Amino acid sequence: MKSTPTLLVPPAQTRIIRAVASSTAIETGQSIKELEALLKAQSSKYQQLSLAAAVA
């Protein structure tokens, strides 16, 4: 019995920011909301690049 392949949906940018902020908050003791705001406000010199997508 074959199962249908599951499509992988990449995480949204906001979820990635939340994950990084919460991880950093645990390590540093800072507020998640402050770190999240800082990450959203920063402009990266690598904005033209995107993360690699997993290929199934």
C-alpha atoms as a PDB file:
ATOM      1  CA  MET A   1       0.000   0.000   0.000  1.00  0.00           C
ATOM      2  CA  LYS A   2       1.598   3.214  -1.160  1.00  0.00           C
ATOM      3  CA  SER A   3       1.091   6.427   0.695  1.00  0.00           C
ATOM      4  CA  THR A   4       0.921   9.749  -1.057  1.00  0.00           C
ATOM      5  CA  PRO A   5       4.036  11.890  -0.681  1.00  0.00           C
ATOM      6  CA  THR A   6       3.754  14.747   1.771  1.00  0.00           C
ATOM      7  CA  LEU A   7       4.622  18.213   0.535  1.00  0.00           C
ATOM      8  CA  LEU A   8       7.050  20.085   2.753  1.00  0.00           C
ATOM      9  CA  VAL A   9       6.015  23.660   3.408  1.00  0.00           C
ATOM     10  CA  PRO A  10       8.900  25.969   4.295  1.00  0.00           C
ATOM     11  CA  PRO A  11       8.466  27.902   7.543  1.00  0.00           C
ATOM     12  CA  ALA A  12       7.351  31.510   7.300  1.00  0.00           C
ATOM     13  CA  GLN A  13       9.902  34.244   7.945  1.00  0.00           C
ATOM     14  CA  THR A  14       8.010  35.315  11.075  1.00  0.00           C
ATOM     15  CA  ARG A  15       8.271  31.794  12.520  1.00  0.00           C
ATOM     16  CA  ILE A  16      12.014  31.737  11.860  1.00  0.00           C
ATOM     17  CA  ILE A  17      12.427  35.114  13.573  1.00  0.00           C
ATOM     18  CA  ARG A  18      10.373  33.904  16.550  1.00  0.00           C
ATOM     19  CA  ALA A  19      12.477  30.728  16.840  1.00  0.00           C
ATOM     20  CA  VAL A  20      15.762  32.638  16.724  1.00  0.00           C
ATOM     21  CA  ALA A  21      14.488  35.241  19.199  1.00  0.00           C
ATOM     22  CA  SER A  22      13.241  32.661  21.689  1.00  0.00           C
ATOM     23  CA  SER A  23      16.437  30.628  21.457  1.00  0.00           C
ATOM     24  CA  THR A  24      18.553  33.733  21.979  1.00  0.00           C
ATOM     25  CA  ALA A  25      16.318  34.865  24.857  1.00  0.00           C
ATOM     26  CA  ILE A  26      16.842  31.556  26.645  1.00  0.00           C
ATOM     27  CA  GLU A  27      20.607  31.848  26.262  1.00  0.00           C
ATOM     28  CA  THR A  28      20.926  35.545  27.137  1.00  0.00           C
ATOM     29  CA  GLY A  29      17.991  36.212  29.469  1.00  0.00           C
ATOM     30  CA  GLN A  30      16.669  39.013  27.262  1.00  0.00           C
ATOM     31  CA  SER A  31      13.012  39.517  26.367  1.00  0.00           C
ATOM     32  CA  ILE A  32      11.713  37.582  23.359  1.00  0.00           C
ATOM     33  CA  LYS A  33       9.677  40.594  22.203  1.00  0.00           C
ATOM     34  CA  GLU A  34      12.715  42.879  22.332  1.00  0.00           C
ATOM     35  CA  LEU A  35      14.856  40.433  20.380  1.00  0.00           C
ATOM     36  CA  GLU A  36      12.074  39.823  17.874  1.00  0.00           C
ATOM     37  CA  ALA A  37      11.686  43.565  17.285  1.00  0.00           C
ATOM     38  CA  LEU A  38      15.451  43.909  16.893  1.00  0.00           C
ATOM     39  CA  LEU A  39      15.591  41.095  14.326  1.00  0.00           C
ATOM     40  CA  LYS A  40      12.683  42.540  12.345  1.00  0.00           C
ATOM     41  CA  ALA A  41      14.193  46.040  12.364  1.00  0.00           C
ATOM     42  CA  GLN A  42      17.648  45.039  11.213  1.00  0.00           C
ATOM     43  CA  SER A  43      18.416  45.228   7.555  1.00  0.00           C
ATOM     44  CA  SER A  44      20.868  42.676   6.363  1.00  0.00           C
ATOM     45  CA  LYS A  45      23.589  43.244   3.829  1.00  0.00           C
ATOM     46  CA  TYR A  46      22.579  39.834   2.433  1.00  0.00           C
ATOM     47  CA  GLN A  47      18.896  40.580   1.807  1.00  0.00           C
ATOM     48  CA  GLN A  48      19.215  39.568  -1.837  1.00  0.00           C
ATOM     49  CA  LEU A  49      20.034  35.986  -0.757  1.00  0.00           C
ATOM     50  CA  SER A  50      17.441  33.476   0.328  1.00  0.00           C
ATOM     51  CA  LEU A  51      17.776  30.352   2.409  1.00  0.00           C
ATOM     52  CA  ALA A  52      18.275  27.086   0.561  1.00  0.00           C
ATOM     53  CA  ALA A  53      15.137  24.993   0.203  1.00  0.00           C
ATOM     54  CA  ALA A  54      15.100  21.294   0.957  1.00  0.00           C
ATOM     55  CA  VAL A  55      14.639  19.151  -2.129  1.00  0.00           C
ATOM     56  CA  ALA A  56      12.704  15.952  -1.657  1.00  0.00           C
END
